Amino acid sequence: MTLSTRQQRMLDFMRRFGEENGYSPSLRDIMAGCGISSTSVASYNLSALEREGYLRRRPGLSRGIRLLSPSPRAGVVEVPVIGWIAAGEPVPVPAPDTWDVSAGAETVVVAGELTRGREGIYALRVKGSSMVDALVSDGDIVLMQYVNVVENGEMAAVWLKAEQEATLKKVYAGPGRVRLQPANSRMRPIYVKPENVEIQGRVIGVIRGIA
């Protein structure tokens, strides 16, 4: 299971609460500590964490949540979410020097087998619907590996130098031009000169947007 940012925040809060108070938080404590206004949303995410073995709950007890050991974070990787990228029209994204995880930065926790020990891993939130036929929808998070070259047909974050904008497309390099192909039959490809293209990473995974 790939944890959402909310689920990781809930786990971190529950651990911290238990260390500081010596007992488990209640559902209301978790909602207050994690900025969740809906009991159904909090319960949904707790159930997901329980199914995946991160915690156990004792029915009927307001403080019946028990985090399991060893920590399920073993074998997982924390990846920085550096901004948005358009699966549609190009939009600016942060520069590579902002990709390191810093205090307070948004991150997403993923299973180690997704990254396979590779370096230069980051994530982007997706705007737009041009890649829906490749199962990448508006609001999803794409897991990226920073590379400068991709094979034809790979989905990549492409920086358009003249426009100072980035877009998420499948890349096809041909004689004298590069085709940036959407995965949406209603949208046309973008054709650009090779010297105007800088590959900023290839897609290695997709995290579905959830509430």
Protein backbone atom coordinates (compact mmCIF):
# COMPACT_ATOMS: atom_id res chain seq x y z
CA MET A 1 0.00 0.00 0.00
CA THR A 2 1.18 3.52 -0.79
CA LEU A 3 0.28 5.90 2.03
CA SER A 4 -1.38 9.16 1.19
CA THR A 5 -0.05 12.32 2.78
CA ARG A 6 -3.06 12.34 5.11
CA GLN A 7 -2.54 8.75 6.22
CA GLN A 8 1.14 9.35 6.93
CA ARG A 9 0.24 12.49 8.90
CA MET A 10 -2.24 10.47 10.95
CA LEU A 11 0.36 7.79 11.72
CA ASP A 12 2.95 10.38 12.70
CA PHE A 13 0.41 12.15 14.95
CA MET A 14 -0.63 8.91 16.67
CA ARG A 15 2.99 7.98 17.39
CA ARG A 16 3.79 11.43 18.70
CA PHE A 17 0.62 11.57 20.81
CA GLY A 18 1.37 8.19 22.38
CA GLU A 19 4.96 9.16 23.20
CA GLU A 20 3.88 12.45 24.80
CA ASN A 21 0.84 11.21 26.71
CA GLY A 22 1.43 7.54 27.40
CA TYR A 23 -1.91 6.49 25.92
CA SER A 24 -3.56 6.31 22.50
CA PRO A 25 -5.45 9.23 20.94
CA SER A 26 -9.19 9.11 20.45
CA LEU A 27 -10.80 9.64 17.05
CA ARG A 28 -11.52 13.25 18.02
CA ASP A 29 -7.88 13.75 19.03
CA ILE A 30 -6.75 12.49 15.63
CA MET A 31 -9.23 14.71 13.80
CA ALA A 32 -8.11 17.77 15.73
CA GLY A 33 -4.41 16.97 15.45
CA CYS A 34 -4.56 16.29 11.71
CA GLY A 35 -7.02 18.98 10.66
CA ILE A 36 -9.77 16.54 9.62
CA SER A 37 -13.33 17.84 9.92
CA SER A 38 -15.22 14.68 8.91
CA THR A 39 -15.48 11.61 11.13
CA SER A 40 -16.18 9.47 8.08
CA VAL A 41 -12.93 10.59 6.40
CA ALA A 42 -10.94 9.90 9.58
CA SER A 43 -12.57 6.48 10.03
CA TYR A 44 -12.02 5.58 6.37
CA ASN A 45 -8.30 6.27 6.61
CA LEU A 46 -7.96 4.47 9.96
CA SER A 47 -9.66 1.42 8.43
CA ALA A 48 -7.25 1.52 5.48
CA LEU A 49 -4.28 1.68 7.86
CA GLU A 50 -5.66 -1.20 9.88
CA ARG A 51 -6.20 -3.37 6.78
CA GLU A 52 -2.58 -2.87 5.80
CA GLY A 53 -1.25 -3.78 9.25
CA TYR A 54 -0.17 -0.35 10.50
CA LEU A 55 -2.46 -0.43 13.55
CA ARG A 56 -5.12 -2.37 15.42
CA ARG A 57 -8.36 -1.03 16.88
CA ARG A 58 -10.38 -2.48 19.76
CA PRO A 59 -14.11 -1.98 19.11
CA GLY A 60 -16.01 -0.06 21.75
CA LEU A 61 -12.96 1.68 23.23
CA SER A 62 -12.52 5.40 22.55
CA ARG A 63 -8.74 5.02 22.92
CA GLY A 64 -8.49 1.51 21.52
CA ILE A 65 -5.97 2.24 18.75
CA ARG A 66 -2.66 0.37 18.99
CA LEU A 67 0.19 1.04 16.56
CA LEU A 68 2.03 -2.10 15.52
CA SER A 69 5.76 -2.79 15.77
CA PRO A 70 8.14 -2.97 14.09
CA SER A 71 7.49 0.33 12.40
CA PRO A 72 5.86 -0.19 8.98
CA ARG A 73 8.05 2.64 7.68
CA ALA A 74 10.83 0.07 7.29
CA GLY A 75 11.06 -0.62 3.57
CA VAL A 76 9.28 2.58 2.58
CA VAL A 77 10.60 5.78 1.05
CA GLU A 78 9.58 9.38 1.74
CA VAL A 79 9.36 11.33 -1.52
CA PRO A 80 9.01 15.13 -1.85
CA VAL A 81 5.95 16.45 -3.67
CA ILE A 82 7.50 19.46 -5.40
CA GLY A 83 4.47 21.01 -7.08
CA TRP A 84 2.02 20.65 -9.95
CA ILE A 85 2.44 19.63 -13.57
CA ALA A 86 -0.14 19.91 -16.33
CA ALA A 87 -1.52 16.89 -18.11
CA GLY A 88 -2.94 19.36 -20.59
CA GLU A 89 -1.43 22.77 -21.11
CA PRO A 90 2.11 23.44 -19.81
CA VAL A 91 2.50 25.12 -16.41
CA PRO A 92 5.62 26.16 -14.46
CA VAL A 93 7.06 23.71 -11.92
CA PRO A 94 9.75 24.27 -9.25
CA ALA A 95 13.42 24.17 -10.16
CA PRO A 96 15.53 21.07 -9.31
CA ASP A 97 17.24 22.85 -6.40
CA THR A 98 13.89 22.79 -4.53
CA TRP A 99 13.44 19.02 -4.77
CA ASP A 100 15.06 18.06 -1.49
CA VAL A 101 12.77 17.29 1.44
CA SER A 102 12.82 20.20 3.88
CA ALA A 103 11.10 20.85 7.18
CA GLY A 104 7.39 21.24 6.58
CA ALA A 105 7.59 20.16 2.94
CA GLU A 106 4.81 17.95 1.63
CA THR A 107 5.88 14.36 1.10
CA VAL A 108 4.31 11.08 0.12
CA VAL A 109 5.42 7.72 1.50
CA VAL A 110 5.72 4.89 -1.02
CA ALA A 111 6.78 1.27 -0.90
CA GLY A 112 10.48 0.76 -1.45
CA GLU A 113 9.85 -1.62 -4.36
CA LEU A 114 8.44 1.30 -6.36
CA THR A 115 11.70 3.23 -6.21
CA ARG A 116 14.02 0.17 -6.22
CA GLY A 117 16.84 2.15 -4.68
CA ARG A 118 16.96 4.64 -7.53
CA GLU A 119 18.12 8.19 -6.86
CA GLY A 120 16.51 11.46 -7.92
CA ILE A 121 12.96 10.42 -7.01
CA TYR A 122 10.32 13.13 -6.63
CA ALA A 123 6.57 13.52 -7.10
CA LEU A 124 4.24 15.92 -8.88
CA ARG A 125 0.53 16.54 -8.57
CA VAL A 126 -1.31 16.36 -11.89
CA LYS A 127 -3.60 19.03 -13.33
CA GLY A 128 -5.70 18.28 -16.38
CA SER A 129 -6.97 15.30 -18.29
CA SER A 130 -4.69 14.85 -21.30
CA MET A 131 -3.22 11.59 -19.91
CA VAL A 132 -6.44 9.90 -18.79
CA ASP A 133 -6.09 7.05 -21.30
CA ALA A 134 -2.77 6.25 -19.61
CA LEU A 135 -4.63 6.09 -16.27
CA VAL A 136 -3.29 9.45 -15.05
CA SER A 137 -6.13 11.71 -13.95
CA ASP A 138 -6.55 15.20 -12.57
CA GLY A 139 -5.51 15.23 -8.89
CA ASP A 140 -3.32 12.11 -9.09
CA ILE A 141 0.32 12.16 -7.99
CA VAL A 142 2.94 10.92 -10.43
CA LEU A 143 6.11 9.42 -9.01
CA MET A 144 9.09 10.59 -11.07
CA GLN A 145 12.74 9.68 -11.53
CA TYR A 146 14.93 12.60 -12.54
CA VAL A 147 16.57 11.72 -15.88
CA ASN A 148 17.55 13.78 -18.93
CA VAL A 149 16.83 11.13 -21.57
CA VAL A 150 13.85 8.83 -22.08
CA GLU A 151 12.94 6.16 -24.60
CA ASN A 152 10.32 6.93 -27.24
CA GLY A 153 6.87 6.36 -25.78
CA GLU A 154 7.86 6.93 -22.15
CA MET A 155 5.79 9.40 -20.14
CA ALA A 156 7.93 12.29 -18.95
CA ALA A 157 7.96 15.74 -17.41
CA VAL A 158 9.15 17.98 -20.25
CA TRP A 159 10.50 21.50 -19.73
CA LEU A 160 9.87 23.81 -22.69
CA LYS A 161 12.76 26.23 -22.53
CA ALA A 162 11.35 29.08 -24.60
CA GLU A 163 7.98 29.03 -22.83
CA GLN A 164 9.54 28.40 -19.38
CA GLU A 165 6.83 25.84 -18.73
CA ALA A 166 6.53 22.11 -18.14
CA THR A 167 4.06 19.50 -19.31
CA LEU A 168 3.42 15.80 -18.75
CA LYS A 169 3.32 13.84 -22.02
CA LYS A 170 4.60 10.78 -23.82
CA VAL A 171 7.76 11.71 -25.68
CA TYR A 172 8.62 10.73 -29.26
CA ALA A 173 11.85 12.10 -30.78
CA GLY A 174 11.96 12.28 -34.56
CA PRO A 175 14.04 13.99 -37.26
CA GLY A 176 14.06 17.70 -36.51
CA ARG A 177 11.23 17.69 -33.99
CA VAL A 178 9.88 16.12 -30.81
CA ARG A 179 6.27 15.02 -30.50
CA LEU A 180 4.68 15.41 -27.07
CA GLN A 181 1.75 13.04 -27.23
CA PRO A 182 -1.28 13.25 -24.93
CA ALA A 183 -3.09 10.06 -23.95
CA ASN A 184 -6.51 11.48 -24.72
CA SER A 185 -8.15 10.97 -28.10
CA ARG A 186 -9.75 14.42 -27.95
CA MET A 187 -6.42 16.25 -27.68
CA ARG A 188 -3.76 16.92 -30.30
CA PRO A 189 -0.04 16.35 -29.89
CA ILE A 190 2.42 19.21 -29.37
CA TYR A 191 5.35 19.45 -31.81
CA VAL A 192 8.49 21.26 -30.66
CA LYS A 193 12.09 21.65 -31.78
CA PRO A 194 14.60 19.38 -30.02
CA GLU A 195 16.63 22.34 -28.75
CA ASN A 196 13.53 23.64 -26.96
CA VAL A 197 13.08 20.42 -24.95
CA GLU A 198 14.61 19.43 -21.63
CA ILE A 199 13.52 16.16 -20.05
CA GLN A 200 13.10 16.58 -16.29
CA GLY A 201 12.09 13.07 -15.34
CA ARG A 202 10.18 9.96 -16.33
CA VAL A 203 7.06 8.58 -14.69
CA ILE A 204 7.72 5.42 -12.66
CA GLY A 205 4.41 5.22 -10.80
CA VAL A 206 1.01 6.80 -10.22
CA ILE A 207 -0.69 7.42 -6.87
CA ARG A 208 -4.44 7.80 -7.26
CA GLY A 209 -6.00 10.92 -5.81
CA ILE A 210 -8.22 10.11 -2.79
CA ALA A 211 -10.14 12.20 -0.29
